[in-house]
Amino acid sequence: MKSYRKELWFETRNRRELINITRDIQICVAESAIKEGLVLVNAMHITSSIFINDDESGLHHDFEIWLEKLAPEKPHSQYKHNGFEDNADAHLKRTIMGREVVVALTKGELDFGPWEQIFYGEFDGKRRKRVLVKIIGE
């Protein structure tokens, strides 16, 4: 069995962003030369997320509205965590959206269903953060 590991780095311009990283992961798959196995993609920061969904702008807007209803950013005083930071909402949003995804690798390709794409979700941005890609297989 072979393994491959790479860190991808992102620096967002906004506090919250959704970034399609499918192409980045496909490049990792090609670099790995692994044809059959599993691809793990996980956020290495507690206020960011990795998830799979459709790359459609209306849906991205819906995510923003939905997440803000579930864990509103303001007022910052509503959260006990926000004593020294103002990102309690980002921790909650990450928990809702998830830490990682695992995708099957078949014949050297990500084995997706229709419309599936991999996203990096940033909920406390404007700084550099990383994503781990780990591929194992033959």
C-alpha atoms as a PDB file:
ATOM      1  CA  MET A   1       0.000   0.000   0.000  1.00  0.00           C
ATOM      2  CA  LYS A   2       1.194   3.500  -0.843  1.00  0.00           C
ATOM      3  CA  SER A   3       0.428   6.759   0.900  1.00  0.00           C
ATOM      4  CA  TYR A   4       0.603  10.430  -0.035  1.00  0.00           C
ATOM      5  CA  ARG A   5       0.348  13.517   2.150  1.00  0.00           C
ATOM      6  CA  LYS A   6       0.119  17.175   1.207  1.00  0.00           C
ATOM      7  CA  GLU A   7      -0.922  20.374   2.940  1.00  0.00           C
ATOM      8  CA  LEU A   8      -2.921  22.950   1.013  1.00  0.00           C
ATOM      9  CA  TRP A   9      -2.917  26.526   2.321  1.00  0.00           C
ATOM     10  CA  PHE A  10      -5.681  29.089   1.960  1.00  0.00           C
ATOM     11  CA  GLU A  11      -5.873  32.740   2.912  1.00  0.00           C
ATOM     12  CA  THR A  12      -9.347  34.169   2.620  1.00  0.00           C
ATOM     13  CA  ARG A  13     -10.220  37.829   2.159  1.00  0.00           C
ATOM     14  CA  ASN A  14     -13.496  37.577   4.087  1.00  0.00           C
ATOM     15  CA  ARG A  15     -14.512  36.224   7.468  1.00  0.00           C
ATOM     16  CA  ARG A  16     -16.663  33.571   5.771  1.00  0.00           C
ATOM     17  CA  GLU A  17     -16.030  31.974   2.386  1.00  0.00           C
ATOM     18  CA  LEU A  18     -16.792  28.743   0.580  1.00  0.00           C
ATOM     19  CA  ILE A  19     -14.020  27.674  -1.792  1.00  0.00           C
ATOM     20  CA  ASN A  20     -14.328  24.837  -4.301  1.00  0.00           C
ATOM     21  CA  ILE A  21     -11.120  22.832  -3.835  1.00  0.00           C
ATOM     22  CA  THR A  22     -12.042  19.875  -6.055  1.00  0.00           C
ATOM     23  CA  ARG A  23      -9.410  20.786  -8.647  1.00  0.00           C
ATOM     24  CA  ASP A  24      -6.734  21.035  -5.933  1.00  0.00           C
ATOM     25  CA  ILE A  25      -7.656  17.546  -4.714  1.00  0.00           C
ATOM     26  CA  GLN A  26      -7.624  16.166  -8.264  1.00  0.00           C
ATOM     27  CA  ILE A  27      -4.073  17.506  -8.640  1.00  0.00           C
ATOM     28  CA  CYS A  28      -3.099  15.723  -5.419  1.00  0.00           C
ATOM     29  CA  VAL A  29      -4.597  12.492  -6.753  1.00  0.00           C
ATOM     30  CA  ALA A  30      -2.533  12.816  -9.952  1.00  0.00           C
ATOM     31  CA  GLU A  31       0.641  13.567  -7.951  1.00  0.00           C
ATOM     32  CA  SER A  32       0.066  10.532  -5.729  1.00  0.00           C
ATOM     33  CA  ALA A  33      -0.076   8.076  -8.672  1.00  0.00           C
ATOM     34  CA  ILE A  34      -2.493   6.025  -6.540  1.00  0.00           C
ATOM     35  CA  LYS A  35      -5.282   4.518  -8.639  1.00  0.00           C
ATOM     36  CA  GLU A  36      -7.424   2.637  -6.104  1.00  0.00           C
ATOM     37  CA  GLY A  37      -7.917   3.758  -2.527  1.00  0.00           C
ATOM     38  CA  LEU A  38      -9.255   6.508  -0.320  1.00  0.00           C
ATOM     39  CA  VAL A  39      -8.747  10.255  -0.228  1.00  0.00           C
ATOM     40  CA  LEU A  40      -9.074  12.010   3.122  1.00  0.00           C
ATOM     41  CA  VAL A  41      -9.410  15.787   3.082  1.00  0.00           C
ATOM     42  CA  ASN A  42      -9.603  17.532   6.444  1.00  0.00           C
ATOM     43  CA  ALA A  43      -9.510  21.048   7.793  1.00  0.00           C
ATOM     44  CA  MET A  44      -6.614  21.592  10.189  1.00  0.00           C
ATOM     45  CA  HIS A  45      -8.270  24.523  11.960  1.00  0.00           C
ATOM     46  CA  ILE A  46     -11.172  24.422  14.394  1.00  0.00           C
ATOM     47  CA  THR A  47     -13.051  27.261  12.652  1.00  0.00           C
ATOM     48  CA  SER A  48     -12.967  25.858   9.122  1.00  0.00           C
ATOM     49  CA  SER A  49     -14.669  22.941   7.422  1.00  0.00           C
ATOM     50  CA  ILE A  50     -14.460  20.479   4.564  1.00  0.00           C
ATOM     51  CA  PHE A  51     -17.681  19.227   3.015  1.00  0.00           C
ATOM     52  CA  ILE A  52     -19.143  17.874  -0.224  1.00  0.00           C
ATOM     53  CA  ASN A  53     -22.035  19.505  -2.022  1.00  0.00           C
ATOM     54  CA  ASP A  54     -23.133  21.163  -5.262  1.00  0.00           C
ATOM     55  CA  ASP A  55     -21.225  24.173  -6.625  1.00  0.00           C
ATOM     56  CA  GLU A  56     -24.237  26.419  -7.122  1.00  0.00           C
ATOM     57  CA  SER A  57     -24.255  30.070  -6.014  1.00  0.00           C
ATOM     58  CA  GLY A  58     -27.855  30.026  -4.763  1.00  0.00           C
ATOM     59  CA  LEU A  59     -27.051  27.063  -2.530  1.00  0.00           C
ATOM     60  CA  HIS A  60     -23.945  28.837  -1.219  1.00  0.00           C
ATOM     61  CA  HIS A  61     -26.112  31.827  -0.325  1.00  0.00           C
ATOM     62  CA  ASP A  62     -28.572  29.481   1.388  1.00  0.00           C
ATOM     63  CA  PHE A  63     -25.734  27.967   3.448  1.00  0.00           C
ATOM     64  CA  GLU A  64     -24.705  31.448   4.601  1.00  0.00           C
ATOM     65  CA  ILE A  65     -28.250  32.369   5.662  1.00  0.00           C
ATOM     66  CA  TRP A  66     -28.907  29.001   7.318  1.00  0.00           C
ATOM     67  CA  LEU A  67     -25.627  28.950   9.244  1.00  0.00           C
ATOM     68  CA  GLU A  68     -26.093  32.533  10.388  1.00  0.00           C
ATOM     69  CA  LYS A  69     -29.562  31.634  11.743  1.00  0.00           C
ATOM     70  CA  LEU A  70     -28.162  28.624  13.613  1.00  0.00           C
ATOM     71  CA  ALA A  71     -25.044  30.373  14.967  1.00  0.00           C
ATOM     72  CA  PRO A  72     -25.233  34.142  14.443  1.00  0.00           C
ATOM     73  CA  GLU A  73     -21.943  36.015  14.561  1.00  0.00           C
ATOM     74  CA  LYS A  74     -23.362  38.958  16.513  1.00  0.00           C
ATOM     75  CA  PRO A  75     -23.873  40.021  19.169  1.00  0.00           C
ATOM     76  CA  HIS A  76     -20.500  38.631  20.232  1.00  0.00           C
ATOM     77  CA  SER A  77     -21.627  38.877  23.871  1.00  0.00           C
ATOM     78  CA  GLN A  78     -24.104  35.991  23.421  1.00  0.00           C
ATOM     79  CA  TYR A  79     -21.221  33.476  23.618  1.00  0.00           C
ATOM     80  CA  LYS A  80     -19.163  32.645  26.714  1.00  0.00           C
ATOM     81  CA  HIS A  81     -16.230  31.696  24.434  1.00  0.00           C
ATOM     82  CA  ASN A  82     -15.973  35.287  23.219  1.00  0.00           C
ATOM     83  CA  GLY A  83     -13.955  36.599  26.153  1.00  0.00           C
ATOM     84  CA  PHE A  84     -10.689  36.993  24.264  1.00  0.00           C
ATOM     85  CA  GLU A  85     -11.879  36.175  20.752  1.00  0.00           C
ATOM     86  CA  ASP A  86     -14.977  36.880  18.696  1.00  0.00           C
ATOM     87  CA  ASN A  87     -15.237  33.578  16.838  1.00  0.00           C
ATOM     88  CA  ALA A  88     -17.541  31.323  18.876  1.00  0.00           C
ATOM     89  CA  ASP A  89     -19.982  31.309  15.964  1.00  0.00           C
ATOM     90  CA  ALA A  90     -17.210  30.005  13.666  1.00  0.00           C
ATOM     91  CA  HIS A  91     -16.590  27.036  15.987  1.00  0.00           C
ATOM     92  CA  LEU A  92     -20.298  26.182  15.917  1.00  0.00           C
ATOM     93  CA  LYS A  93     -20.559  26.571  12.128  1.00  0.00           C
ATOM     94  CA  ARG A  94     -17.590  24.237  11.680  1.00  0.00           C
ATOM     95  CA  THR A  95     -19.249  21.627  13.880  1.00  0.00           C
ATOM     96  CA  ILE A  96     -22.389  21.791  11.736  1.00  0.00           C
ATOM     97  CA  MET A  97     -20.537  21.621   8.382  1.00  0.00           C
ATOM     98  CA  GLY A  98     -17.996  18.976   9.396  1.00  0.00           C
ATOM     99  CA  ARG A  99     -14.263  18.514   9.723  1.00  0.00           C
ATOM    100  CA  GLU A 100     -13.430  16.192   6.817  1.00  0.00           C
ATOM    101  CA  VAL A 101     -14.545  14.087   3.910  1.00  0.00           C
ATOM    102  CA  VAL A 102     -13.399  10.727   2.613  1.00  0.00           C
ATOM    103  CA  VAL A 103     -13.805  10.022  -1.100  1.00  0.00           C
ATOM    104  CA  ALA A 104     -13.242   6.700  -2.855  1.00  0.00           C
ATOM    105  CA  LEU A 105     -10.544   6.692  -5.510  1.00  0.00           C
ATOM    106  CA  THR A 106     -11.352   4.473  -8.494  1.00  0.00           C
ATOM    107  CA  LYS A 107      -9.168   4.151 -11.589  1.00  0.00           C
ATOM    108  CA  GLY A 108      -7.270   7.273 -10.522  1.00  0.00           C
ATOM    109  CA  GLU A 109     -10.407   9.444 -10.271  1.00  0.00           C
ATOM    110  CA  LEU A 110     -12.450  10.798  -7.387  1.00  0.00           C
ATOM    111  CA  ASP A 111     -15.524   8.550  -7.300  1.00  0.00           C
ATOM    112  CA  PHE A 112     -18.244  11.201  -7.007  1.00  0.00           C
ATOM    113  CA  GLY A 113     -21.970  11.158  -7.492  1.00  0.00           C
ATOM    114  CA  PRO A 114     -23.558  13.701  -9.846  1.00  0.00           C
ATOM    115  CA  TRP A 115     -22.748  17.336  -8.980  1.00  0.00           C
ATOM    116  CA  GLU A 116     -20.550  16.464  -6.001  1.00  0.00           C
ATOM    117  CA  GLN A 117     -17.656  18.828  -5.344  1.00  0.00           C
ATOM    118  CA  ILE A 118     -15.306  19.296  -2.372  1.00  0.00           C
ATOM    119  CA  PHE A 119     -15.415  22.618  -0.527  1.00  0.00           C
ATOM    120  CA  TYR A 120     -13.311  24.388   2.032  1.00  0.00           C
ATOM    121  CA  GLY A 121     -15.583  26.376   4.326  1.00  0.00           C
ATOM    122  CA  GLU A 122     -13.989  29.279   6.177  1.00  0.00           C
ATOM    123  CA  PHE A 123     -15.892  30.760   9.102  1.00  0.00           C
ATOM    124  CA  ASP A 124     -13.204  32.907  10.782  1.00  0.00           C
ATOM    125  CA  GLY A 125     -11.032  34.027   7.906  1.00  0.00           C
ATOM    126  CA  LYS A 126      -8.639  36.741   6.870  1.00  0.00           C
ATOM    127  CA  ARG A 127      -5.667  34.612   7.837  1.00  0.00           C
ATOM    128  CA  ARG A 128      -3.691  31.673   6.512  1.00  0.00           C
ATOM    129  CA  LYS A 129      -5.091  28.205   7.196  1.00  0.00           C
ATOM    130  CA  ARG A 130      -4.323  24.698   6.003  1.00  0.00           C
ATOM    131  CA  VAL A 131      -6.055  21.589   4.763  1.00  0.00           C
ATOM    132  CA  LEU A 132      -4.562  18.105   4.949  1.00  0.00           C
ATOM    133  CA  VAL A 133      -4.871  15.721   2.009  1.00  0.00           C
ATOM    134  CA  LYS A 134      -3.997  12.089   2.751  1.00  0.00           C
ATOM    135  CA  ILE A 135      -4.343   9.425   0.062  1.00  0.00           C
ATOM    136  CA  ILE A 136      -3.844   5.722   0.708  1.00  0.00           C
ATOM    137  CA  GLY A 137      -4.146   2.819  -1.678  1.00  0.00           C
ATOM    138  CA  GLU A 138      -2.487   1.064  -4.587  1.00  0.00           C
END
